Amino acid sequence: MSEVTEEDGSRFRDPASRLWRFAQEILVRCPRCDGRAVVVVHPDHRAGHRYAVSCLMAPHRLSCPGCGHTDDWSPRPARRGDGDVYFAGGAPLAVPHLTGPDDPYFGLPLWLQRRCCGGRALWAYNAAHLELLERYVAARLRERNPHTGSGSLVERLPAWIKAADNREEVLTAIRALREQV
């Protein structure tokens, strides 16, 4: 959780969160009804994830409360050019690539995405991710965490989100997305 130290929220201290922490629950568009669905670690595989990669590589389930649609995802064998691979005692597995504006498991469009700042896609996996983005963008003073190198989520945000000139347009888009949560 970031620290906001002034009453107006103008100071943000990087909590050193990584994107994978927000990938525990990913809101997506249902492929059947286009409603809000969720992608989470499959209920049978939720326990025992000590490391980020084990959580990312666990089987995942897509569920839509609107139409009842479900689907399951399991890791697939790595192929040449996949990028990151995970070795779990057998053949190497392809690690899902965390990015947007699509979810890394089923390739479905994220529920929380909106165009702003010249047509660029602003996106978030869920409400907590959106809240962190809002606090960061709204802050007038942004302090880095000295222990993250360049690996924290906020350090890896694109320059157009970080730009003070875009602050109001990005905040307007974030507020519109918050109404969809």
C-alpha atoms as a PDB file:
ATOM      1  CA  MET A   1       0.000   0.000   0.000  1.00  0.00           C
ATOM      2  CA  SER A   2       1.410   3.396  -0.862  1.00  0.00           C
ATOM      3  CA  GLU A   3       1.815   6.020   1.778  1.00  0.00           C
ATOM      4  CA  VAL A   4      -0.019   9.283   1.305  1.00  0.00           C
ATOM      5  CA  THR A   5       1.451  11.607   3.853  1.00  0.00           C
ATOM      6  CA  GLU A   6      -0.368  14.888   3.242  1.00  0.00           C
ATOM      7  CA  GLU A   7      -4.088  15.425   3.655  1.00  0.00           C
ATOM      8  CA  ASP A   8      -4.602  16.376   0.010  1.00  0.00           C
ATOM      9  CA  GLY A   9      -2.880  13.197  -1.214  1.00  0.00           C
ATOM     10  CA  SER A  10      -0.185  15.142  -3.040  1.00  0.00           C
ATOM     11  CA  ARG A  11       2.669  12.834  -1.957  1.00  0.00           C
ATOM     12  CA  PHE A  12       3.059   9.268  -3.187  1.00  0.00           C
ATOM     13  CA  ARG A  13       5.709   6.847  -1.978  1.00  0.00           C
ATOM     14  CA  ASP A  14       6.245   3.852  -4.266  1.00  0.00           C
ATOM     15  CA  PRO A  15       5.083   0.713  -2.386  1.00  0.00           C
ATOM     16  CA  ALA A  16       7.322  -1.397  -4.685  1.00  0.00           C
ATOM     17  CA  SER A  17       4.366  -3.423  -5.968  1.00  0.00           C
ATOM     18  CA  ARG A  18       4.945  -5.620  -8.975  1.00  0.00           C
ATOM     19  CA  LEU A  19       2.309  -6.132 -11.653  1.00  0.00           C
ATOM     20  CA  TRP A  20       1.965  -9.826 -10.788  1.00  0.00           C
ATOM     21  CA  ARG A  21       0.480  -8.857  -7.392  1.00  0.00           C
ATOM     22  CA  PHE A  22      -2.499  -7.348  -9.206  1.00  0.00           C
ATOM     23  CA  ALA A  23      -2.845 -10.364 -11.499  1.00  0.00           C
ATOM     24  CA  GLN A  24      -4.441 -12.394  -8.696  1.00  0.00           C
ATOM     25  CA  GLU A  25      -7.820 -11.181  -9.991  1.00  0.00           C
ATOM     26  CA  ILE A  26      -8.171  -9.915 -13.546  1.00  0.00           C
ATOM     27  CA  LEU A  27     -11.426  -8.379 -14.742  1.00  0.00           C
ATOM     28  CA  VAL A  28     -12.116  -9.199 -18.407  1.00  0.00           C
ATOM     29  CA  ARG A  29     -14.884  -9.039 -21.001  1.00  0.00           C
ATOM     30  CA  CYS A  30     -16.778 -12.322 -21.168  1.00  0.00           C
ATOM     31  CA  PRO A  31     -16.326 -13.957 -24.595  1.00  0.00           C
ATOM     32  CA  ARG A  32     -19.949 -15.121 -24.534  1.00  0.00           C
ATOM     33  CA  CYS A  33     -21.994 -12.135 -23.279  1.00  0.00           C
ATOM     34  CA  ASP A  34     -19.431  -9.259 -23.256  1.00  0.00           C
ATOM     35  CA  GLY A  35     -20.227  -8.683 -19.569  1.00  0.00           C
ATOM     36  CA  ARG A  36     -17.727  -8.420 -16.716  1.00  0.00           C
ATOM     37  CA  ALA A  37     -15.994 -11.707 -15.988  1.00  0.00           C
ATOM     38  CA  VAL A  38     -13.061 -12.547 -13.742  1.00  0.00           C
ATOM     39  CA  VAL A  39      -9.893 -14.612 -14.178  1.00  0.00           C
ATOM     40  CA  VAL A  40      -8.440 -16.073 -10.956  1.00  0.00           C
ATOM     41  CA  VAL A  41      -6.255 -18.977  -9.889  1.00  0.00           C
ATOM     42  CA  HIS A  42      -8.381 -22.105 -10.221  1.00  0.00           C
ATOM     43  CA  PRO A  43     -10.100 -22.853  -6.883  1.00  0.00           C
ATOM     44  CA  ASP A  44      -8.446 -26.283  -6.693  1.00  0.00           C
ATOM     45  CA  HIS A  45      -4.967 -24.684  -6.912  1.00  0.00           C
ATOM     46  CA  ARG A  46      -5.171 -21.584  -4.676  1.00  0.00           C
ATOM     47  CA  ALA A  47      -3.106 -22.791  -1.728  1.00  0.00           C
ATOM     48  CA  GLY A  48       0.642 -23.026  -1.452  1.00  0.00           C
ATOM     49  CA  HIS A  49       1.920 -20.316  -3.803  1.00  0.00           C
ATOM     50  CA  ARG A  50       5.026 -19.107  -2.069  1.00  0.00           C
ATOM     51  CA  TYR A  51       6.598 -17.498  -5.146  1.00  0.00           C
ATOM     52  CA  ALA A  52       5.153 -15.235  -7.826  1.00  0.00           C
ATOM     53  CA  VAL A  53       5.957 -17.623 -10.648  1.00  0.00           C
ATOM     54  CA  SER A  54       4.100 -20.523  -9.012  1.00  0.00           C
ATOM     55  CA  CYS A  55       0.980 -18.362  -8.778  1.00  0.00           C
ATOM     56  CA  LEU A  56       1.353 -17.181 -12.383  1.00  0.00           C
ATOM     57  CA  MET A  57       1.845 -20.751 -13.597  1.00  0.00           C
ATOM     58  CA  ALA A  58      -1.048 -22.243 -11.623  1.00  0.00           C
ATOM     59  CA  PRO A  59      -4.150 -23.265 -13.560  1.00  0.00           C
ATOM     60  CA  HIS A  60      -6.598 -20.365 -13.852  1.00  0.00           C
ATOM     61  CA  ARG A  61     -10.367 -20.148 -14.252  1.00  0.00           C
ATOM     62  CA  LEU A  62     -12.496 -17.644 -16.151  1.00  0.00           C
ATOM     63  CA  SER A  63     -15.956 -17.116 -14.639  1.00  0.00           C
ATOM     64  CA  CYS A  64     -18.766 -14.834 -15.759  1.00  0.00           C
ATOM     65  CA  PRO A  65     -21.458 -14.211 -13.147  1.00  0.00           C
ATOM     66  CA  GLY A  66     -23.739 -12.725 -15.809  1.00  0.00           C
ATOM     67  CA  CYS A  67     -24.134 -15.693 -18.154  1.00  0.00           C
ATOM     68  CA  GLY A  68     -22.455 -18.482 -16.172  1.00  0.00           C
ATOM     69  CA  HIS A  69     -19.698 -19.037 -18.746  1.00  0.00           C
ATOM     70  CA  THR A  70     -16.527 -20.696 -17.404  1.00  0.00           C
ATOM     71  CA  ASP A  71     -13.273 -21.768 -18.983  1.00  0.00           C
ATOM     72  CA  ASP A  72     -10.038 -23.190 -17.626  1.00  0.00           C
ATOM     73  CA  TRP A  73      -6.441 -22.353 -18.518  1.00  0.00           C
ATOM     74  CA  SER A  74      -3.390 -24.524 -17.913  1.00  0.00           C
ATOM     75  CA  PRO A  75       0.236 -23.737 -18.651  1.00  0.00           C
ATOM     76  CA  ARG A  76       1.437 -24.868 -22.044  1.00  0.00           C
ATOM     77  CA  PRO A  77       4.824 -26.154 -23.141  1.00  0.00           C
ATOM     78  CA  ALA A  78       7.229 -23.403 -24.133  1.00  0.00           C
ATOM     79  CA  ARG A  79       7.955 -22.793 -27.810  1.00  0.00           C
ATOM     80  CA  ARG A  80      10.840 -20.969 -29.413  1.00  0.00           C
ATOM     81  CA  GLY A  81      10.393 -17.219 -29.022  1.00  0.00           C
ATOM     82  CA  ASP A  82       8.027 -17.424 -26.023  1.00  0.00           C
ATOM     83  CA  GLY A  83      10.230 -15.265 -23.823  1.00  0.00           C
ATOM     84  CA  ASP A  84      10.223 -16.312 -20.192  1.00  0.00           C
ATOM     85  CA  VAL A  85      10.051 -20.028 -19.472  1.00  0.00           C
ATOM     86  CA  TYR A  86       9.472 -21.925 -16.241  1.00  0.00           C
ATOM     87  CA  PHE A  87      11.202 -25.188 -15.436  1.00  0.00           C
ATOM     88  CA  ALA A  88       9.135 -27.300 -13.075  1.00  0.00           C
ATOM     89  CA  GLY A  89      10.825 -30.658 -13.384  1.00  0.00           C
ATOM     90  CA  GLY A  90       9.480 -31.544 -16.818  1.00  0.00           C
ATOM     91  CA  ALA A  91       9.406 -29.785 -20.156  1.00  0.00           C
ATOM     92  CA  PRO A  92       9.773 -25.993 -19.880  1.00  0.00           C
ATOM     93  CA  LEU A  93       6.491 -24.080 -19.686  1.00  0.00           C
ATOM     94  CA  ALA A  94       5.695 -20.675 -21.198  1.00  0.00           C
ATOM     95  CA  VAL A  95       5.214 -18.001 -18.531  1.00  0.00           C
ATOM     96  CA  PRO A  96       2.176 -15.772 -19.217  1.00  0.00           C
ATOM     97  CA  HIS A  97       3.265 -12.292 -20.283  1.00  0.00           C
ATOM     98  CA  LEU A  98       1.720  -9.736 -17.935  1.00  0.00           C
ATOM     99  CA  THR A  99       0.639  -6.745 -19.954  1.00  0.00           C
ATOM    100  CA  GLY A 100      -2.493  -5.143 -21.299  1.00  0.00           C
ATOM    101  CA  PRO A 101      -4.900  -4.357 -22.701  1.00  0.00           C
ATOM    102  CA  ASP A 102      -5.587  -8.105 -22.850  1.00  0.00           C
ATOM    103  CA  ASP A 103      -5.400 -10.643 -20.049  1.00  0.00           C
ATOM    104  CA  PRO A 104      -2.329 -12.934 -20.078  1.00  0.00           C
ATOM    105  CA  TYR A 105      -4.223 -16.207 -19.759  1.00  0.00           C
ATOM    106  CA  PHE A 106      -7.133 -16.210 -22.179  1.00  0.00           C
ATOM    107  CA  GLY A 107      -6.186 -13.202 -24.311  1.00  0.00           C
ATOM    108  CA  LEU A 108      -9.503 -11.526 -23.532  1.00  0.00           C
ATOM    109  CA  PRO A 109      -9.867  -7.725 -23.460  1.00  0.00           C
ATOM    110  CA  LEU A 110      -9.535  -6.246 -20.001  1.00  0.00           C
ATOM    111  CA  TRP A 111     -12.731  -4.868 -18.494  1.00  0.00           C
ATOM    112  CA  LEU A 112     -10.929  -1.803 -17.181  1.00  0.00           C
ATOM    113  CA  GLN A 113      -9.487  -0.074 -20.213  1.00  0.00           C
ATOM    114  CA  ARG A 114     -10.063   3.269 -21.850  1.00  0.00           C
ATOM    115  CA  ARG A 115      -8.430   5.373 -24.526  1.00  0.00           C
ATOM    116  CA  CYS A 116      -6.892   8.688 -23.515  1.00  0.00           C
ATOM    117  CA  CYS A 117      -3.927  10.949 -24.293  1.00  0.00           C
ATOM    118  CA  GLY A 118      -3.979  10.588 -28.057  1.00  0.00           C
ATOM    119  CA  GLY A 119      -5.672   7.203 -28.247  1.00  0.00           C
ATOM    120  CA  ARG A 120      -3.315   5.325 -25.932  1.00  0.00           C
ATOM    121  CA  ALA A 121      -4.787   2.496 -23.880  1.00  0.00           C
ATOM    122  CA  LEU A 122      -5.011   3.100 -20.138  1.00  0.00           C
ATOM    123  CA  TRP A 123      -5.743  -0.220 -18.441  1.00  0.00           C
ATOM    124  CA  ALA A 124      -5.872  -1.929 -15.057  1.00  0.00           C
ATOM    125  CA  TYR A 125      -6.392  -5.523 -13.979  1.00  0.00           C
ATOM    126  CA  ASN A 126      -8.759  -4.718 -11.098  1.00  0.00           C
ATOM    127  CA  ALA A 127      -9.908  -2.060  -8.620  1.00  0.00           C
ATOM    128  CA  ALA A 128      -6.736  -2.248  -6.488  1.00  0.00           C
ATOM    129  CA  HIS A 129      -4.538  -1.755  -9.556  1.00  0.00           C
ATOM    130  CA  LEU A 130      -6.700   1.183 -10.640  1.00  0.00           C
ATOM    131  CA  GLU A 131      -6.483   2.718  -7.156  1.00  0.00           C
ATOM    132  CA  LEU A 132      -2.677   2.561  -7.194  1.00  0.00           C
ATOM    133  CA  LEU A 133      -2.600   4.228 -10.614  1.00  0.00           C
ATOM    134  CA  GLU A 134      -4.953   6.961  -9.421  1.00  0.00           C
ATOM    135  CA  ARG A 135      -2.908   7.726  -6.313  1.00  0.00           C
ATOM    136  CA  TYR A 136       0.283   7.827  -8.342  1.00  0.00           C
ATOM    137  CA  VAL A 137      -1.046  10.057 -11.120  1.00  0.00           C
ATOM    138  CA  ALA A 138      -2.788  12.438  -8.699  1.00  0.00           C
ATOM    139  CA  ALA A 139       0.332  12.962  -6.567  1.00  0.00           C
ATOM    140  CA  ARG A 140       2.354  16.116  -7.037  1.00  0.00           C
ATOM    141  CA  LEU A 141       5.369  14.546  -5.328  1.00  0.00           C
ATOM    142  CA  ARG A 142       6.290  10.976  -6.283  1.00  0.00           C
ATOM    143  CA  GLU A 143       9.004   9.238  -4.286  1.00  0.00           C
ATOM    144  CA  ARG A 144      10.808   6.143  -5.525  1.00  0.00           C
ATOM    145  CA  ASN A 145      11.374   3.117  -3.355  1.00  0.00           C
ATOM    146  CA  PRO A 146      15.157   2.682  -3.055  1.00  0.00           C
ATOM    147  CA  HIS A 147      14.923  -1.122  -2.910  1.00  0.00           C
ATOM    148  CA  THR A 148      13.185  -1.925  -6.206  1.00  0.00           C
ATOM    149  CA  GLY A 149      15.789  -1.180  -8.853  1.00  0.00           C
ATOM    150  CA  SER A 150      13.575  -0.564 -11.840  1.00  0.00           C
ATOM    151  CA  GLY A 151      11.151  -3.350 -11.156  1.00  0.00           C
ATOM    152  CA  SER A 152       8.175  -1.734  -9.477  1.00  0.00           C
ATOM    153  CA  LEU A 153       4.925  -1.251 -11.320  1.00  0.00           C
ATOM    154  CA  VAL A 154       5.048   2.553 -11.109  1.00  0.00           C
ATOM    155  CA  GLU A 155       8.659   2.683 -12.295  1.00  0.00           C
ATOM    156  CA  ARG A 156       7.642   0.773 -15.414  1.00  0.00           C
ATOM    157  CA  LEU A 157       4.643   2.927 -16.303  1.00  0.00           C
ATOM    158  CA  PRO A 158       4.845   4.560 -19.722  1.00  0.00           C
ATOM    159  CA  ALA A 159       6.060   8.161 -19.818  1.00  0.00           C
ATOM    160  CA  TRP A 160       2.691   9.468 -21.034  1.00  0.00           C
ATOM    161  CA  ILE A 161       1.024   8.299 -17.793  1.00  0.00           C
ATOM    162  CA  LYS A 162       3.777   9.888 -15.703  1.00  0.00           C
ATOM    163  CA  ALA A 163       3.722  13.214 -17.557  1.00  0.00           C
ATOM    164  CA  ALA A 164       2.338  16.145 -15.534  1.00  0.00           C
ATOM    165  CA  ASP A 165       0.802  17.586 -18.727  1.00  0.00           C
ATOM    166  CA  ASN A 166      -1.416  14.488 -19.013  1.00  0.00           C
ATOM    167  CA  ARG A 167      -2.409  14.327 -15.323  1.00  0.00           C
ATOM    168  CA  GLU A 168      -5.975  15.639 -15.679  1.00  0.00           C
ATOM    169  CA  GLU A 169      -6.806  13.582 -18.773  1.00  0.00           C
ATOM    170  CA  VAL A 170      -5.435  10.392 -17.189  1.00  0.00           C
ATOM    171  CA  LEU A 171      -7.295  11.059 -13.926  1.00  0.00           C
ATOM    172  CA  THR A 172     -10.524  11.639 -15.871  1.00  0.00           C
ATOM    173  CA  ALA A 173     -10.062   8.270 -17.594  1.00  0.00           C
ATOM    174  CA  ILE A 174      -9.276   6.548 -14.285  1.00  0.00           C
ATOM    175  CA  ARG A 175     -12.410   7.996 -12.673  1.00  0.00           C
ATOM    176  CA  ALA A 176     -14.507   6.773 -15.602  1.00  0.00           C
ATOM    177  CA  LEU A 177     -13.003   3.298 -15.225  1.00  0.00           C
ATOM    178  CA  ARG A 178     -13.675   3.313 -11.479  1.00  0.00           C
ATOM    179  CA  GLU A 179     -17.410   3.586 -12.269  1.00  0.00           C
ATOM    180  CA  GLN A 180     -17.142   0.221 -14.101  1.00  0.00           C
ATOM    181  CA  VAL A 181     -15.763  -1.680 -11.106  1.00  0.00           C
END
